[in-house]
Amino acid sequence: HPIITYVFGFTGRSNLDEAFSQKNLKPKVVLTAVDADVIKTYVRLKLGVGIIARMAYDEVIDNDLVAIDASHLFGKSTTYIGLRRDKFLRGYIYDFIELFAPHLTRDQVETAMTFNDRKDVQALFASIKLPVL
């Protein structure tokens, strides 16, 4: 079947490519997109089977699509929040971070914003157990 999925480098696409490679399979990727809503639109247009992140499927909004859990086939992916170091973060940004990543504190985020090296940021968060969806 034709496959519609993310552009390489977005939302775990490298995990998808690795999973097919490990089984010596060459997927027939016919369309790619950086956004799950675009992928779902292509599926609705009957252009192929979509592979999207679990968090991108909404049972209410996407009730016209059939979701099949394939998480056992692919490696885990981590979603990151990107922030500019040179900008003041307003309270609503911290509110969003708290909703999106309740395991992070405001102090941790503020500390991470002071680092210039990604390795330092990773070390700061290394001991935090990430929630799995």
Foldseek 3Di string as FASTA:
>chain_A
DEEEEADPPADQVVQVVVLCVVVVHDHRHDYHHNDVVVQLVCVVVVVDHYDYDPVNDDCVVVVVDDDDDPPVSTDDDDDDDDDALPDDDDPVNQVVCCVVFVQDDPVLVVVLSVDPDPVVNCVSCVVGDGDDD
